[in-house]
Amino acid sequence: MFRRRSFWIILALTAIVWLMAVMSEHNDYPVNVRVKWAGIDTARYVVTFADTLLPVTINSNCFLAMSRYNAVRRKPYVLTISGDTVVKVNSALLDDLVKQLDFDGTHGITSTAESLRITLTERGRKGFVPQLRHVNFYFVNQRGLAGTPVVEPDTVWLYGDPASLDNIKEISTLDYAIEGIRDSGWYVLPLDPVWRQYPDVRSSHDSVRVFLPVDRYVEKTFNVNVIPHCDDSRYTLRLIPARVSVTLWVPVKDYDFLSADQIEAVANYDPALPSQELPVLVTRFPNNARVKQVSPASLQYVILHN
């Protein structure tokens, strides 16, 4: 009885050793790797065809082959394209596959496929210049806009059925407020997603960036002559006084470059609407400045008949 039991134990151990030896040998194991395409502008293109499996043969032992079989069922190989729709299956691609999927213990990998293909069909498209609407900028500590804002991108593309695109007339920003602006910088503004009313329409962007050039503003006062104006040539208008002080908010960097000859103030007389005083209107001033105060804000006048 003891001899029989020893025999079966020795036989079992021999079988285990043989199986381990066989499974440790290197052989070729075929496997189909799932392919996931990336880098595609799905707003602009529709994928009408794509290879989704890549057959490969990997030389390794049986243990690692079984591990790979389970791994490829859970994780695809992500193939990122940058314009080309036909990707050659070469050593560089296979090396990237081995690295990306963590295929340890590989002693060589080949494939019967020569290439992987994807077919993209471009949707209809329509471009819009994004409109900045309902956006409020709040500056702090005498800061203010010191130049023209820059918007990026300058064009937002909508892709989809031409009939749907024709129904969309403009792309603009949503109601938005940016508070506490102190320095120049970029700010992100969300777009009104009007394209979502149409299931077949996609947008290249759901927001835009705006660059605000910001500077500290200080007061600068100029004494300027007021131009009297009367549409009726029978009258001559004389103002009392003839000059006013115009106080502007000006950027610090431009302080020394602003002068009184860049400012124009006008007082209009209308015989049909006589009044005791005429308001002073600043009709021209530097576009990088803001009018804070005019003193006096209205003038007495004398009408002389020609």
Protein backbone atom coordinates (compact mmCIF):
# COMPACT_ATOMS: atom_id res chain seq x y z
CA MET A 1 0.00 0.00 0.00
CA PHE A 2 2.84 2.36 0.88
CA ARG A 3 4.61 1.57 -2.41
CA ARG A 4 1.45 2.30 -4.43
CA ARG A 5 0.95 5.63 -2.68
CA SER A 6 4.59 6.60 -3.25
CA PHE A 7 4.21 5.72 -6.93
CA TRP A 8 1.25 8.06 -7.42
CA ILE A 9 2.98 10.83 -5.51
CA ILE A 10 6.11 10.50 -7.64
CA LEU A 11 3.97 10.40 -10.80
CA ALA A 12 2.07 13.55 -9.79
CA LEU A 13 5.27 15.41 -8.97
CA THR A 14 6.79 14.32 -12.28
CA ALA A 15 3.71 15.56 -14.15
CA ILE A 16 3.84 18.89 -12.37
CA VAL A 17 7.53 19.32 -13.13
CA TRP A 18 6.91 18.37 -16.78
CA LEU A 19 3.97 20.79 -17.04
CA MET A 20 5.99 23.59 -15.52
CA ALA A 21 8.84 22.88 -17.90
CA VAL A 22 6.51 22.85 -20.91
CA MET A 23 4.76 26.05 -19.88
CA SER A 24 8.10 27.75 -19.29
CA GLU A 25 9.24 27.08 -22.84
CA HIS A 26 9.06 29.94 -25.33
CA ASN A 27 6.50 29.54 -28.11
CA ASP A 28 4.52 31.75 -30.47
CA TYR A 29 1.08 32.75 -29.15
CA PRO A 30 -1.41 34.60 -31.37
CA VAL A 31 -3.67 37.24 -29.82
CA ASN A 32 -6.09 39.84 -31.16
CA VAL A 33 -5.48 43.25 -29.59
CA ARG A 34 -8.39 45.69 -29.48
CA VAL A 35 -7.58 49.08 -31.03
CA LYS A 36 -9.00 52.37 -29.77
CA TRP A 37 -8.43 55.39 -32.03
CA ALA A 38 -7.59 58.73 -30.40
CA GLY A 39 -6.68 62.21 -31.61
CA ILE A 40 -9.80 62.52 -33.79
CA ASP A 41 -11.75 65.78 -33.92
CA THR A 42 -15.14 64.12 -33.50
CA ALA A 43 -16.88 67.50 -33.75
CA ARG A 44 -15.54 67.93 -37.28
CA TYR A 45 -15.47 64.33 -38.51
CA VAL A 46 -17.71 61.27 -38.47
CA VAL A 47 -15.94 57.90 -38.23
CA THR A 48 -17.44 55.73 -40.98
CA PHE A 49 -14.93 52.88 -40.73
CA ALA A 50 -12.11 51.89 -38.39
CA ASP A 51 -10.02 48.77 -37.85
CA THR A 52 -10.69 47.69 -34.29
CA LEU A 53 -8.53 44.55 -33.99
CA LEU A 54 -4.82 44.05 -34.56
CA PRO A 55 -3.69 40.41 -34.85
CA VAL A 56 -0.25 39.88 -33.33
CA THR A 57 1.93 36.88 -32.52
CA ILE A 58 4.05 37.10 -29.39
CA ASN A 59 6.90 34.81 -28.48
CA SER A 60 6.93 34.12 -24.75
CA ASN A 61 6.22 31.38 -22.21
CA CYS A 62 2.72 30.07 -21.59
CA PHE A 63 2.30 31.74 -18.22
CA LEU A 64 2.78 35.21 -19.69
CA ALA A 65 0.58 34.32 -22.69
CA MET A 66 -2.30 33.49 -20.36
CA SER A 67 -1.74 36.76 -18.47
CA ARG A 68 -1.75 38.75 -21.73
CA TYR A 69 -4.98 37.08 -22.86
CA ASN A 70 -6.77 38.45 -19.81
CA ALA A 71 -5.04 41.84 -20.11
CA VAL A 72 -6.10 42.53 -23.71
CA ARG A 73 -9.71 41.77 -22.82
CA ARG A 74 -9.65 44.59 -20.26
CA LYS A 75 -7.48 47.21 -21.95
CA PRO A 76 -7.31 48.29 -25.62
CA TYR A 77 -4.27 49.63 -27.45
CA VAL A 78 -4.78 53.39 -27.87
CA LEU A 79 -3.60 54.51 -31.29
CA THR A 80 -3.29 58.30 -31.57
CA ILE A 81 -3.34 59.73 -35.08
CA SER A 82 -2.20 63.16 -36.22
CA GLY A 83 -3.65 63.51 -39.70
CA ASP A 84 -2.85 60.16 -41.32
CA THR A 85 -5.78 57.77 -41.67
CA VAL A 86 -3.56 54.82 -42.66
CA VAL A 87 -1.05 53.75 -40.02
CA LYS A 88 1.65 51.25 -40.92
CA VAL A 89 2.08 48.29 -38.60
CA ASN A 90 5.85 48.41 -38.16
CA SER A 91 8.34 47.70 -35.41
CA ALA A 92 7.86 51.12 -33.85
CA LEU A 93 4.10 50.59 -33.53
CA LEU A 94 4.54 47.08 -32.12
CA ASP A 95 7.13 48.31 -29.61
CA ASP A 96 4.71 51.02 -28.52
CA LEU A 97 1.97 48.40 -28.13
CA VAL A 98 4.20 46.23 -25.93
CA LYS A 99 5.10 49.22 -23.77
CA GLN A 100 1.57 50.60 -23.51
CA LEU A 101 -0.02 47.26 -22.59
CA ASP A 102 2.82 46.23 -20.25
CA PHE A 103 3.61 42.97 -22.07
CA ASP A 104 6.46 41.70 -19.87
CA GLY A 105 8.63 38.77 -20.86
CA THR A 106 8.10 39.25 -24.59
CA HIS A 107 10.79 37.70 -26.77
CA GLY A 108 9.55 39.10 -30.06
CA ILE A 109 6.28 40.33 -31.57
CA THR A 110 5.04 40.24 -35.17
CA SER A 111 1.81 40.90 -37.02
CA THR A 112 0.29 39.69 -40.25
CA ALA A 113 -1.43 43.08 -40.71
CA GLU A 114 0.39 45.61 -42.86
CA SER A 115 -1.60 48.62 -41.71
CA LEU A 116 -4.53 49.90 -39.68
CA ARG A 117 -7.10 52.15 -41.36
CA ILE A 118 -9.73 54.63 -40.30
CA THR A 119 -12.11 56.52 -42.60
CA LEU A 120 -13.28 59.99 -41.60
CA THR A 121 -16.05 61.97 -43.27
CA GLU A 122 -16.11 65.71 -42.67
CA ARG A 123 -19.38 67.23 -41.51
CA GLY A 124 -20.83 70.42 -42.96
CA ARG A 125 -19.37 73.46 -41.21
CA LYS A 126 -20.05 77.14 -40.59
CA GLY A 127 -17.75 79.70 -38.97
CA PHE A 128 -18.78 82.39 -36.47
CA VAL A 129 -16.87 85.31 -34.99
CA PRO A 130 -17.63 84.99 -31.25
CA GLN A 131 -19.48 88.01 -29.88
CA LEU A 132 -18.66 89.26 -26.37
CA ARG A 133 -22.10 89.98 -24.91
CA HIS A 134 -23.43 90.39 -21.40
CA VAL A 135 -19.89 90.24 -19.96
CA ASN A 136 -19.01 92.64 -17.16
CA PHE A 137 -15.43 93.41 -16.14
CA TYR A 138 -14.87 94.84 -12.66
CA PHE A 139 -11.48 96.44 -11.96
CA VAL A 140 -9.95 97.27 -8.57
CA ASN A 141 -7.67 100.02 -7.20
CA GLN A 142 -8.07 102.48 -10.09
CA ARG A 143 -7.26 99.74 -12.61
CA GLY A 144 -8.84 99.79 -16.03
CA LEU A 145 -8.67 98.54 -19.57
CA ALA A 146 -5.53 99.84 -21.28
CA GLY A 147 -5.94 98.65 -24.85
CA THR A 148 -8.01 96.42 -27.09
CA PRO A 149 -8.95 93.00 -25.69
CA VAL A 150 -7.83 89.98 -27.72
CA VAL A 151 -10.21 87.05 -28.19
CA GLU A 152 -9.05 83.49 -28.96
CA PRO A 153 -10.09 81.74 -31.04
CA ASP A 154 -11.20 84.43 -33.45
CA THR A 155 -13.50 81.91 -35.18
CA VAL A 156 -15.75 79.23 -33.65
CA TRP A 157 -16.71 76.45 -36.05
CA LEU A 158 -19.97 74.57 -35.92
CA TYR A 159 -20.17 71.19 -37.66
CA GLY A 160 -23.30 69.34 -38.68
CA ASP A 161 -26.14 69.19 -41.17
CA PRO A 162 -26.19 72.36 -43.35
CA ALA A 163 -29.92 72.79 -42.74
CA SER A 164 -29.35 72.94 -38.99
CA LEU A 165 -26.35 75.25 -39.37
CA ASP A 166 -28.44 77.72 -41.38
CA ASN A 167 -30.74 78.16 -38.37
CA ILE A 168 -27.89 79.41 -36.16
CA LYS A 169 -27.17 83.09 -36.74
CA GLU A 170 -24.48 83.93 -34.18
CA ILE A 171 -22.33 82.61 -31.34
CA SER A 172 -22.00 84.82 -28.27
CA THR A 173 -20.88 84.58 -24.66
CA LEU A 174 -23.18 83.83 -21.75
CA ASP A 175 -23.93 86.31 -18.96
CA TYR A 176 -20.68 86.45 -17.03
CA ALA A 177 -18.89 88.69 -14.56
CA ILE A 178 -15.15 88.87 -13.88
CA GLU A 179 -14.45 90.62 -10.60
CA GLY A 180 -11.33 91.87 -8.87
CA ILE A 181 -9.30 92.47 -12.05
CA ARG A 182 -5.92 93.90 -11.07
CA ASP A 183 -3.39 92.81 -13.71
CA SER A 184 -3.29 91.98 -17.39
CA GLY A 185 -4.17 88.37 -18.14
CA TRP A 186 -6.28 85.76 -19.90
CA TYR A 187 -9.83 84.98 -18.81
CA VAL A 188 -12.11 82.14 -19.96
CA LEU A 189 -15.65 83.06 -21.02
CA PRO A 190 -18.30 80.35 -21.60
CA LEU A 191 -20.23 80.44 -24.86
CA ASP A 192 -23.99 80.27 -25.15
CA PRO A 193 -24.44 76.65 -26.40
CA VAL A 194 -27.17 77.40 -28.96
CA TRP A 195 -25.90 74.48 -31.07
CA ARG A 196 -27.24 72.01 -28.49
CA GLN A 197 -30.72 72.71 -29.79
CA TYR A 198 -29.72 70.58 -32.78
CA PRO A 199 -28.61 66.99 -31.96
CA ASP A 200 -26.53 66.71 -35.15
CA VAL A 201 -24.48 69.89 -34.55
CA ARG A 202 -21.12 69.99 -32.77
CA SER A 203 -18.96 72.96 -31.82
CA SER A 204 -15.19 73.35 -32.05
CA HIS A 205 -15.22 75.27 -28.74
CA ASP A 206 -17.55 75.71 -25.78
CA SER A 207 -15.65 78.76 -24.47
CA VAL A 208 -13.29 81.51 -25.60
CA ARG A 209 -10.32 83.19 -23.96
CA VAL A 210 -10.03 86.96 -23.74
CA PHE A 211 -6.82 88.82 -22.94
CA LEU A 212 -7.38 92.06 -21.01
CA PRO A 213 -4.52 94.58 -21.04
CA VAL A 214 -4.77 96.31 -17.66
CA ASP A 215 -3.06 99.40 -16.29
CA ARG A 216 -3.43 101.69 -13.29
CA TYR A 217 -5.38 104.86 -14.06
CA VAL A 218 -4.75 108.31 -12.62
CA GLU A 219 -6.42 111.68 -13.07
CA LYS A 220 -5.17 114.27 -15.54
CA THR A 221 -6.92 117.61 -16.07
CA PHE A 222 -6.86 119.72 -19.22
CA ASN A 223 -8.17 123.21 -19.92
CA VAL A 224 -9.84 123.25 -23.31
CA ASN A 225 -11.80 125.72 -25.41
CA VAL A 226 -15.47 124.87 -25.88
CA ILE A 227 -16.70 125.01 -29.46
CA PRO A 228 -20.03 126.86 -29.73
CA HIS A 229 -22.38 125.28 -32.24
CA CYS A 230 -25.66 126.56 -33.67
CA ASP A 231 -27.39 125.12 -36.71
CA ASP A 232 -29.15 128.40 -37.46
CA SER A 233 -26.76 130.65 -39.41
CA ARG A 234 -28.70 133.76 -38.36
CA TYR A 235 -27.21 133.51 -34.87
CA THR A 236 -23.75 133.59 -33.40
CA LEU A 237 -23.25 131.84 -30.08
CA ARG A 238 -20.91 133.24 -27.41
CA LEU A 239 -20.17 131.09 -24.34
CA ILE A 240 -19.49 132.26 -20.80
CA PRO A 241 -16.90 131.07 -19.89
CA ALA A 242 -15.31 129.93 -23.13
CA ARG A 243 -13.08 127.32 -21.51
CA VAL A 244 -13.71 124.34 -19.21
CA SER A 245 -11.60 121.87 -17.27
CA VAL A 246 -11.86 118.28 -18.47
CA THR A 247 -10.60 115.62 -16.06
CA LEU A 248 -9.75 112.27 -17.57
CA TRP A 249 -8.81 108.90 -16.15
CA VAL A 250 -5.63 108.01 -18.06
CA PRO A 251 -3.30 104.98 -17.92
CA VAL A 252 -0.08 105.67 -16.05
CA LYS A 253 2.01 104.52 -19.00
CA ASP A 254 0.33 107.08 -21.30
CA TYR A 255 0.22 109.98 -18.84
CA ASP A 256 2.97 112.04 -20.48
CA PHE A 257 1.70 111.46 -24.02
CA LEU A 258 -1.78 112.98 -23.65
CA SER A 259 -2.40 116.63 -24.44
CA ALA A 260 -5.27 119.12 -24.59
CA ASP A 261 -5.35 119.15 -28.40
CA GLN A 262 -6.60 115.56 -28.28
CA ILE A 263 -9.80 116.71 -26.56
CA GLU A 264 -12.78 118.45 -28.09
CA ALA A 265 -15.70 119.92 -26.16
CA VAL A 266 -18.88 121.29 -27.75
CA ALA A 267 -21.91 123.28 -26.55
CA ASN A 268 -24.94 123.04 -28.87
CA TYR A 269 -27.62 125.73 -29.07
CA ASP A 270 -31.05 124.89 -30.45
CA PRO A 271 -33.36 127.90 -30.97
CA ALA A 272 -36.37 125.61 -30.72
CA LEU A 273 -35.30 124.47 -27.24
CA PRO A 274 -33.94 127.53 -25.47
CA SER A 275 -32.49 127.10 -22.01
CA GLN A 276 -30.58 129.23 -19.51
CA GLU A 277 -27.39 127.12 -19.80
CA LEU A 278 -25.97 124.76 -22.37
CA PRO A 279 -24.48 121.37 -21.35
CA VAL A 280 -20.87 120.73 -22.37
CA LEU A 281 -20.33 117.55 -24.37
CA VAL A 282 -16.88 116.00 -24.73
CA THR A 283 -17.08 114.71 -28.29
CA ARG A 284 -13.47 113.68 -28.78
CA PHE A 285 -10.85 112.33 -26.38
CA PRO A 286 -8.10 109.64 -26.49
CA ASN A 287 -9.53 106.15 -26.81
CA ASN A 288 -7.29 104.94 -23.98
CA ALA A 289 -8.80 107.45 -21.55
CA ARG A 290 -12.14 107.94 -19.82
CA VAL A 291 -13.94 111.16 -19.01
CA LYS A 292 -14.34 111.61 -15.27
CA GLN A 293 -15.56 115.18 -14.93
CA VAL A 294 -16.21 118.42 -16.85
CA SER A 295 -16.14 121.66 -14.86
CA PRO A 296 -18.26 123.61 -15.29
CA ALA A 297 -20.64 121.02 -16.74
CA SER A 298 -22.86 123.70 -18.35
CA LEU A 299 -22.25 127.22 -19.62
CA GLN A 300 -24.14 130.46 -19.87
CA TYR A 301 -24.35 131.97 -23.30
CA VAL A 302 -25.22 135.04 -25.32
CA ILE A 303 -26.96 134.94 -28.70
CA LEU A 304 -25.90 137.52 -31.25
CA HIS A 305 -27.91 138.13 -34.42
CA ASN A 306 -25.86 138.14 -37.58
